[in-house]
Protein backbone atom coordinates (compact mmCIF):
# COMPACT_ATOMS: atom_id res chain seq x y z
CA MET A 1 0.00 0.00 0.00
CA ASN A 2 2.93 2.37 0.74
CA THR A 3 4.22 1.72 -2.77
CA PHE A 4 0.89 2.80 -4.25
CA ARG A 5 0.79 5.95 -2.11
CA HIS A 6 4.38 6.84 -3.01
CA PHE A 7 3.67 6.40 -6.70
CA GLU A 8 0.46 8.42 -6.39
CA ARG A 9 2.30 11.32 -4.71
CA THR A 10 5.13 11.17 -7.24
CA LYS A 11 2.68 11.23 -10.12
CA ALA A 12 0.79 14.16 -8.62
CA LEU A 13 4.04 16.13 -8.15
CA ARG A 14 5.06 15.40 -11.73
CA ILE A 15 1.69 16.61 -13.05
CA THR A 16 1.88 19.72 -10.84
CA ARG A 17 5.36 20.60 -12.10
CA THR A 18 4.22 20.16 -15.67
CA ALA A 19 1.23 22.39 -15.03
CA LEU A 20 3.43 25.11 -13.47
CA ARG A 21 5.80 25.07 -16.43
CA THR A 22 2.81 25.33 -18.73
CA VAL A 23 1.38 28.26 -16.79
CA LEU A 24 4.71 30.12 -16.99
CA LEU A 25 4.99 29.45 -20.71
CA GLY A 26 1.40 30.52 -21.19
CA ALA A 27 2.01 33.76 -19.31
CA VAL A 28 4.88 34.60 -21.67
CA LEU A 29 2.80 33.78 -24.74
CA LEU A 30 -0.17 35.75 -23.44
CA GLY A 31 2.00 38.75 -22.68
CA SER A 32 3.54 38.67 -26.12
CA GLY A 33 0.14 38.46 -27.78
CA LEU A 34 1.07 35.26 -29.64
CA VAL A 35 -1.84 33.29 -28.18
CA SER A 36 -5.30 34.28 -26.96
CA ALA A 37 -6.42 33.71 -23.37
CA GLN A 38 -9.31 31.53 -24.54
CA LEU A 39 -7.07 29.30 -26.64
CA PHE A 40 -4.58 28.99 -23.79
CA ALA A 41 -7.28 28.05 -21.29
CA GLN A 42 -9.02 25.52 -23.53
CA GLN A 43 -6.03 23.73 -25.03
CA THR A 44 -2.75 24.25 -23.18
CA LEU A 45 -3.97 23.73 -19.62
CA ASP A 46 -6.15 20.80 -20.68
CA LYS A 47 -3.16 19.02 -22.23
CA ALA A 48 -0.86 19.73 -19.29
CA LEU A 49 -3.11 19.02 -16.35
CA PHE A 50 -6.76 18.16 -16.81
CA TYR A 51 -6.41 15.44 -19.44
CA PRO A 52 -3.72 13.42 -17.55
CA LEU A 53 -5.81 13.56 -14.39
CA ARG A 54 -9.02 12.77 -16.25
CA LYS A 55 -7.44 9.64 -17.77
CA VAL A 56 -6.69 8.13 -14.36
CA TYR A 57 -10.29 8.27 -13.19
CA HIS A 58 -11.87 7.69 -16.59
CA SER A 59 -10.13 4.67 -18.06
CA GLU A 60 -12.67 4.60 -20.90
CA ILE A 61 -11.03 7.57 -22.65
CA PHE A 62 -7.91 7.15 -24.78
CA GLN A 63 -4.86 6.51 -22.57
CA GLY A 64 -2.03 6.45 -25.10
CA HIS A 65 -1.82 10.07 -26.24
CA ARG A 66 1.99 10.14 -25.84
CA ARG A 67 2.74 6.64 -27.06
CA THR A 68 4.18 5.95 -30.51
CA ASP A 69 5.78 2.53 -30.09
CA ASN A 70 5.39 -0.74 -28.16
CA TYR A 71 1.78 0.05 -27.31
CA TYR A 72 -1.79 -1.05 -28.00
CA GLU A 73 -5.23 0.07 -26.91
CA GLY A 74 -8.59 -1.40 -27.78
CA TRP A 75 -12.26 -1.24 -26.78
CA TYR A 76 -14.59 -4.25 -26.79
CA PHE A 77 -18.20 -3.58 -27.85
CA LYS A 78 -20.60 -6.52 -27.68
CA GLN A 79 -24.16 -6.35 -29.03
CA VAL A 80 -26.86 -9.05 -28.69
CA SER A 81 -30.20 -8.64 -30.46
CA ALA A 82 -33.42 -8.98 -28.46
CA ASP A 83 -34.22 -12.37 -30.00
CA GLY A 84 -30.67 -13.63 -29.40
CA GLN A 85 -30.26 -14.54 -33.05
CA HIS A 86 -27.51 -12.01 -33.72
CA VAL A 87 -24.37 -11.57 -31.60
CA PHE A 88 -21.69 -9.27 -32.97
CA SER A 89 -18.69 -7.86 -31.17
CA LEU A 90 -16.52 -5.02 -32.45
CA ILE A 91 -13.03 -4.15 -31.24
CA PRO A 92 -11.72 -0.78 -32.43
CA GLY A 93 -8.19 0.13 -31.45
CA VAL A 94 -4.63 1.16 -32.29
CA ALA A 95 -1.36 -0.78 -32.36
CA TYR A 96 2.22 0.50 -32.37
CA GLY A 97 4.89 -2.17 -32.75
CA ARG A 98 8.50 -1.85 -31.61
CA ASN A 99 9.99 1.47 -32.75
CA GLY A 100 6.55 2.38 -34.09
CA LYS A 101 6.83 -0.14 -36.91
CA ASP A 102 3.58 -1.24 -38.52
CA ALA A 103 1.63 1.39 -36.57
CA HIS A 104 -2.02 1.24 -37.57
CA ALA A 105 -5.60 1.51 -36.36
CA PHE A 106 -7.95 -1.46 -36.61
CA ILE A 107 -11.49 -2.72 -36.18
CA GLN A 108 -12.05 -6.41 -35.48
CA LEU A 109 -15.45 -7.97 -36.08
CA ILE A 110 -16.61 -11.19 -34.39
CA ASP A 111 -19.74 -13.05 -35.48
CA GLY A 112 -20.79 -14.87 -32.32
CA ARG A 113 -23.12 -17.26 -34.13
CA THR A 114 -20.43 -18.69 -36.44
CA GLY A 115 -17.17 -17.70 -34.74
CA GLN A 116 -15.94 -16.05 -37.93
CA THR A 117 -13.79 -12.96 -37.50
CA ASP A 118 -12.51 -10.13 -39.70
CA TYR A 119 -9.58 -7.75 -39.10
CA HIS A 120 -9.77 -4.39 -40.83
CA ARG A 121 -6.64 -2.20 -40.93
CA PHE A 122 -6.58 1.58 -41.21
CA PRO A 123 -3.73 4.11 -41.42
CA ILE A 124 -2.79 5.35 -37.97
CA GLU A 125 -3.69 8.85 -39.15
CA ASP A 126 -7.32 7.70 -39.43
CA PHE A 127 -7.52 7.35 -35.63
CA ARG A 128 -8.98 10.32 -33.74
CA TYR A 129 -10.09 10.73 -30.13
CA SER A 130 -11.54 13.20 -27.65
CA ARG A 131 -9.57 14.37 -24.62
CA ARG A 132 -12.70 15.32 -22.69
CA ARG A 133 -14.86 12.20 -23.01
CA PHE A 134 -14.87 8.71 -24.42
CA GLN A 135 -15.26 9.13 -28.16
CA VAL A 136 -12.99 7.60 -30.80
CA GLU A 137 -13.14 7.58 -34.58
CA ILE A 138 -11.41 5.33 -37.10
CA GLY A 139 -11.95 6.57 -40.62
CA ASN A 140 -15.70 7.12 -40.98
CA ASN A 141 -16.47 4.82 -38.04
CA SER A 142 -17.23 6.20 -34.58
CA PHE A 143 -17.52 4.61 -31.12
CA GLY A 144 -18.63 5.95 -27.75
CA PRO A 145 -20.80 5.23 -24.69
CA ALA A 146 -23.90 6.57 -26.49
CA GLY A 147 -23.56 4.37 -29.57
CA LEU A 148 -21.57 3.44 -32.65
CA ILE A 149 -21.65 3.98 -36.39
CA VAL A 150 -19.77 1.42 -38.49
CA ASP A 151 -19.31 0.54 -42.15
CA ILE A 152 -16.55 -2.02 -42.70
CA GLY A 153 -15.83 -4.86 -45.11
CA GLU A 154 -17.18 -5.68 -48.53
CA GLY A 155 -19.68 -8.03 -50.18
CA LYS A 156 -20.95 -10.83 -47.94
CA ARG A 157 -18.66 -9.66 -45.12
CA ARG A 158 -19.73 -6.03 -45.16
CA PHE A 159 -21.02 -4.94 -41.75
CA ARG A 160 -22.97 -1.70 -41.33
CA ALA A 161 -24.53 -0.52 -38.09
CA ASP A 162 -26.03 2.61 -36.57
CA LEU A 163 -26.73 1.77 -32.93
CA SER A 164 -27.64 3.83 -29.86
CA PHE A 165 -26.91 2.84 -26.25
CA SER A 166 -28.73 3.95 -23.10
CA GLY A 167 -28.72 3.13 -19.39
CA GLY A 168 -25.05 2.17 -19.21
CA LYS A 169 -23.78 1.23 -15.76
CA ALA A 170 -20.28 1.15 -14.24
CA PRO A 171 -18.96 1.43 -10.66
CA PRO A 172 -18.03 5.06 -9.88
CA PRO A 173 -14.28 5.81 -9.54
CA LYS A 174 -12.76 6.25 -6.08
CA LEU A 175 -9.31 7.31 -4.90
CA LEU A 176 -7.98 3.79 -4.28
CA ARG A 177 -10.29 2.27 -6.89
CA PRO A 178 -10.16 4.62 -9.88
CA GLY A 179 -11.33 1.71 -11.99
CA ILE A 180 -11.89 -2.02 -11.91
CA MET A 181 -8.15 -2.59 -11.38
CA GLY A 182 -8.29 -0.82 -8.03
CA PRO A 183 -4.90 0.38 -6.70
CA PHE A 184 -3.11 -1.59 -9.42
CA ARG A 185 -4.27 1.15 -11.80
CA TYR A 186 -1.47 3.28 -10.29
CA VAL A 187 1.27 0.67 -10.80
CA PRO A 188 3.48 1.68 -13.75
CA LEU A 189 4.69 -0.52 -16.62
CA LEU A 190 2.21 -3.37 -16.30
CA GLU A 191 1.85 -5.56 -19.41
CA THR A 192 -1.78 -4.63 -19.76
CA TYR A 193 -4.42 -2.55 -18.00
CA HIS A 194 -8.14 -3.24 -17.96
CA GLY A 195 -11.07 -0.83 -17.93
CA LEU A 196 -14.80 -1.31 -17.52
CA VAL A 197 -16.98 1.06 -19.54
CA SER A 198 -20.51 -0.37 -19.30
CA MET A 199 -21.62 -3.49 -17.42
CA ASP A 200 -24.95 -3.52 -19.23
CA HIS A 201 -26.97 -1.17 -21.44
CA ALA A 202 -29.93 -1.13 -23.81
CA VAL A 203 -29.26 -1.19 -27.57
CA THR A 204 -31.49 0.26 -30.27
CA GLY A 205 -30.95 0.69 -34.00
CA GLN A 206 -30.33 -1.29 -37.14
CA ALA A 207 -27.45 -3.22 -38.68
CA LYS A 208 -26.77 -5.10 -41.90
CA PHE A 209 -24.38 -7.98 -42.41
CA GLY A 210 -24.01 -8.68 -46.10
CA LYS A 211 -27.62 -8.64 -47.31
CA ALA A 212 -29.11 -9.65 -43.96
CA SER A 213 -30.88 -6.95 -41.93
CA ILE A 214 -30.60 -7.00 -38.12
CA ASP A 215 -33.04 -5.30 -35.77
CA TYR A 216 -31.23 -4.35 -32.57
CA ASN A 217 -34.18 -2.65 -30.88
CA GLY A 218 -34.55 -4.17 -27.41
CA GLY A 219 -31.03 -5.62 -27.52
CA ARG A 220 -28.36 -5.58 -24.81
CA GLY A 221 -24.77 -4.38 -24.90
CA TYR A 222 -21.51 -4.38 -22.96
CA ILE A 223 -18.26 -2.37 -23.25
CA GLU A 224 -14.79 -2.85 -21.74
CA LYS A 225 -11.22 -2.10 -22.82
CA ASP A 226 -7.52 -2.99 -22.51
CA TRP A 227 -4.32 -1.05 -23.06
CA GLY A 228 -0.59 -1.59 -22.53
CA TYR A 229 2.15 -3.30 -24.51
CA SER A 230 1.24 -7.01 -24.43
CA MET A 231 -1.54 -9.30 -23.34
CA PRO A 232 -0.53 -11.80 -20.61
CA THR A 233 1.02 -15.13 -21.54
CA SER A 234 -1.94 -16.91 -19.95
CA TRP A 235 -5.46 -15.85 -19.05
CA ILE A 236 -9.11 -16.85 -18.72
CA TRP A 237 -11.76 -14.23 -19.48
CA THR A 238 -15.50 -14.63 -19.49
CA GLN A 239 -18.37 -12.15 -19.72
CA CYS A 240 -22.14 -12.33 -20.01
CA ASN A 241 -25.06 -9.91 -19.63
CA HIS A 242 -27.74 -12.00 -21.34
CA PHE A 243 -29.39 -13.87 -18.46
CA GLU A 244 -33.03 -14.83 -17.92
CA ARG A 245 -33.38 -11.84 -15.58
CA GLU A 246 -32.72 -8.47 -17.25
CA GLY A 247 -30.06 -6.31 -15.65
CA VAL A 248 -27.76 -9.16 -14.61
CA SER A 249 -24.18 -8.87 -15.83
CA PHE A 250 -20.98 -10.75 -15.03
CA MET A 251 -17.31 -10.52 -15.98
CA CYS A 252 -14.19 -12.20 -14.64
CA SER A 253 -10.59 -12.19 -15.81
CA ILE A 254 -7.88 -14.45 -14.35
CA ALA A 255 -4.37 -13.81 -15.66
CA ARG A 256 -0.65 -14.23 -15.10
CA VAL A 257 0.43 -10.82 -13.83
CA PRO A 258 4.04 -9.57 -13.68
CA ALA A 259 4.12 -6.55 -11.33
CA LEU A 260 6.51 -4.92 -8.86
CA GLY A 261 9.23 -7.48 -9.61
CA GLN A 262 6.96 -10.46 -8.99
CA VAL A 263 4.79 -12.76 -11.09
CA PHE A 264 1.50 -14.03 -9.70
CA PRO A 265 -1.96 -15.18 -10.84
CA GLY A 266 -4.26 -12.20 -10.39
CA PHE A 267 -7.95 -11.75 -11.09
CA LEU A 268 -10.70 -9.18 -11.13
CA GLY A 269 -14.38 -9.01 -11.99
CA PHE A 270 -17.91 -8.22 -10.89
CA LEU A 271 -21.46 -9.51 -10.73
CA LEU A 272 -24.33 -7.05 -11.18
CA VAL A 273 -27.67 -8.37 -9.92
CA ASP A 274 -30.77 -6.50 -8.69
CA GLY A 275 -28.86 -3.23 -8.93
CA GLU A 276 -26.13 -4.41 -6.54
CA VAL A 277 -22.53 -4.82 -7.70
CA PHE A 278 -20.51 -7.65 -6.15
CA GLN A 279 -16.95 -6.68 -7.03
CA PHE A 280 -14.03 -9.03 -6.47
CA ALA A 281 -10.31 -9.01 -7.22
CA THR A 282 -6.92 -9.99 -5.88
CA TYR A 283 -6.69 -6.57 -4.22
CA THR A 284 -10.02 -7.04 -2.36
CA GLY A 285 -8.75 -10.19 -0.63
CA ALA A 286 -10.98 -12.54 -2.60
CA ARG A 287 -9.54 -15.77 -3.98
CA VAL A 288 -10.13 -18.28 -6.78
CA GLU A 289 -10.80 -21.89 -5.80
CA GLY A 290 -11.30 -25.10 -7.79
CA LEU A 291 -10.10 -23.72 -11.13
CA ALA A 292 -10.37 -26.41 -13.82
CA VAL A 293 -10.26 -26.26 -17.61
CA GLU A 294 -11.48 -29.09 -19.81
CA GLU A 295 -11.81 -29.26 -23.58
CA HIS A 296 -15.14 -27.45 -23.67
CA ARG A 297 -15.71 -26.46 -20.04
CA VAL A 298 -14.29 -24.04 -17.48
CA ARG A 299 -15.21 -23.98 -13.80
CA PHE A 300 -14.04 -22.04 -10.75
CA ASP A 301 -15.34 -20.42 -7.56
CA ILE A 302 -14.79 -16.89 -6.31
CA VAL A 303 -14.60 -16.78 -2.51
CA ALA A 304 -14.90 -13.35 -0.86
CA LYS A 305 -15.58 -12.19 2.68
CA ASN A 306 -19.29 -11.64 2.14
CA PHE A 307 -20.16 -14.05 -0.68
CA ARG A 308 -19.22 -17.12 -2.67
CA LEU A 309 -19.78 -17.28 -6.44
CA GLU A 310 -19.76 -20.52 -8.42
CA VAL A 311 -18.97 -20.10 -12.13
CA ARG A 312 -19.45 -22.81 -14.76
CA ALA A 313 -18.94 -22.04 -18.47
CA VAL A 314 -19.28 -24.12 -21.65
CA ARG A 315 -17.60 -23.09 -24.90
CA ALA A 316 -19.45 -22.94 -28.20
CA HIS A 317 -18.28 -21.57 -31.56
CA THR A 318 -14.81 -20.03 -31.43
CA GLY A 319 -13.16 -17.50 -33.69
CA THR A 320 -9.54 -16.40 -34.05
CA LEU A 321 -8.68 -12.88 -32.95
CA GLN A 322 -5.45 -10.92 -33.30
CA ALA A 323 -3.90 -9.85 -29.98
CA PRO A 324 -0.91 -7.64 -29.10
CA VAL A 325 2.66 -8.64 -28.31
CA ALA A 326 5.03 -5.69 -27.77
CA GLY A 327 2.37 -3.49 -29.32
CA ALA A 328 2.19 -5.49 -32.56
CA MET A 329 -1.01 -7.39 -33.35
CA ASN A 330 0.72 -10.65 -34.30
CA ARG A 331 -0.65 -13.14 -31.77
CA ARG A 332 -3.65 -15.35 -32.52
CA ILE A 333 -6.14 -16.29 -29.80
CA ALA A 334 -9.44 -18.17 -29.81
CA GLU A 335 -12.57 -16.55 -28.44
CA SER A 336 -16.09 -17.85 -28.09
CA VAL A 337 -18.81 -15.18 -28.16
CA ASP A 338 -21.64 -17.72 -27.90
CA ALA A 339 -20.68 -19.66 -24.78
CA ARG A 340 -23.11 -20.62 -22.00
CA ILE A 341 -22.56 -19.75 -18.36
CA GLN A 342 -24.11 -20.85 -15.04
CA LEU A 343 -23.83 -18.75 -11.86
CA ARG A 344 -24.72 -19.43 -8.24
CA LEU A 345 -24.23 -16.74 -5.61
CA TYR A 346 -24.25 -17.63 -1.89
CA ASP A 347 -23.97 -15.54 1.28
CA PRO A 348 -21.41 -16.49 4.00
CA LYS A 349 -23.94 -18.84 5.62
CA GLY A 350 -24.45 -20.78 2.40
CA ARG A 351 -27.86 -19.35 1.53
CA LEU A 352 -28.53 -19.03 -2.18
CA LEU A 353 -28.87 -15.38 -3.21
CA TYR A 354 -28.99 -15.76 -6.97
CA GLU A 355 -28.94 -18.53 -9.56
CA GLY A 356 -29.04 -17.96 -13.28
CA SER A 357 -28.01 -19.21 -16.70
CA GLY A 358 -26.59 -16.90 -19.35
CA GLN A 359 -26.38 -17.24 -23.11
CA HIS A 360 -24.15 -15.55 -25.70
CA ALA A 361 -21.27 -15.32 -23.23
CA GLY A 362 -17.75 -14.38 -24.19
CA LEU A 363 -15.07 -16.87 -23.20
CA GLU A 364 -11.30 -16.93 -23.80
CA VAL A 365 -8.87 -19.56 -22.48
CA VAL A 366 -5.29 -18.76 -23.47
CA GLY A 367 -1.91 -20.19 -22.42
CA GLN A 368 -1.03 -22.63 -19.66
CA LEU A 369 -3.40 -23.41 -16.78
CA SER A 370 -0.37 -24.07 -14.54
CA GLU A 371 0.56 -20.36 -14.68
CA LEU A 372 -2.91 -19.41 -13.45
CA LEU A 373 -2.58 -21.85 -10.57
CA GLY A 374 0.62 -20.15 -9.43
CA GLU A 375 2.91 -22.83 -10.86
CA VAL A 376 5.07 -20.37 -12.83
CA PRO A 377 7.97 -22.16 -14.56
CA ASP A 378 11.57 -20.96 -14.12
């Protein structure tokens, strides 16, 4: 905890010094008449102070404004139609390889019903973002918490969508929990960072895939993100917000985490049910028990101070996604966007609080299970 506090103070001092230098420079420019007061207030101060602070407590906005190599950042948008017949996920992002080689923007498309995926590349210059709120554009495609507009691909693989989102939910940021990573958000140089944008929201609008029309009115959506320089060597990730009861959402990620000179299996996640968020992570003192991975099944329990959560997942169709290594999107991983999941939530006395089955769940199992059990090889 002292390490986190020291880093937090150091970061605050660094931001303050930068702001002071900017104020002095601005005073000179204002006095010389080379820049207007309005322009100085709206742009210079925002870049020096407000945007860096805003990023910490709003992980949904673009984090990599000063990165040009060995870096990636991507957002995961999942949309399920009301009838459950159409499940499409979109991943817009940027990738800078070593020394900035092969820098480009991208949009990945995942068809959850078939597992088929498409990777669309764009010049890095086609990527634009807002410093004040979560809004990114890649070419003529735009993504944000209020919706997305997309037109990618050609012929039978052309995907067009104009969707609106409403009622998005996410835990509010706090000092020691600025996001779902908790205090680990302040730890520098992690392989990857994780952000939660919307646990669950309503989707309206229309889409077309090839010649097929898709009605998304009454659908459900989910948004999260990752950024850093590489995905972990091993991880399990699962997510679902399509349960029998509306408003239930679940996500959990278990990964091999190198941090502060150590390597350990860490995890984080949440369960939203009846408006209450059960949040769990390594930093909350919760633990993973009974982790097992079979050919088509994954099971584990989350044990916390005030609840126990049993998780059982079954894989369905899988597709191959591109994932980052040293900022370059040259790793291939398998993801199922149409898995099934079973949850049981108990209180400390063993009384059942919630039981539900979810469809159209996302599920990734990558790397060696031994690393996630703490058996890290030399």
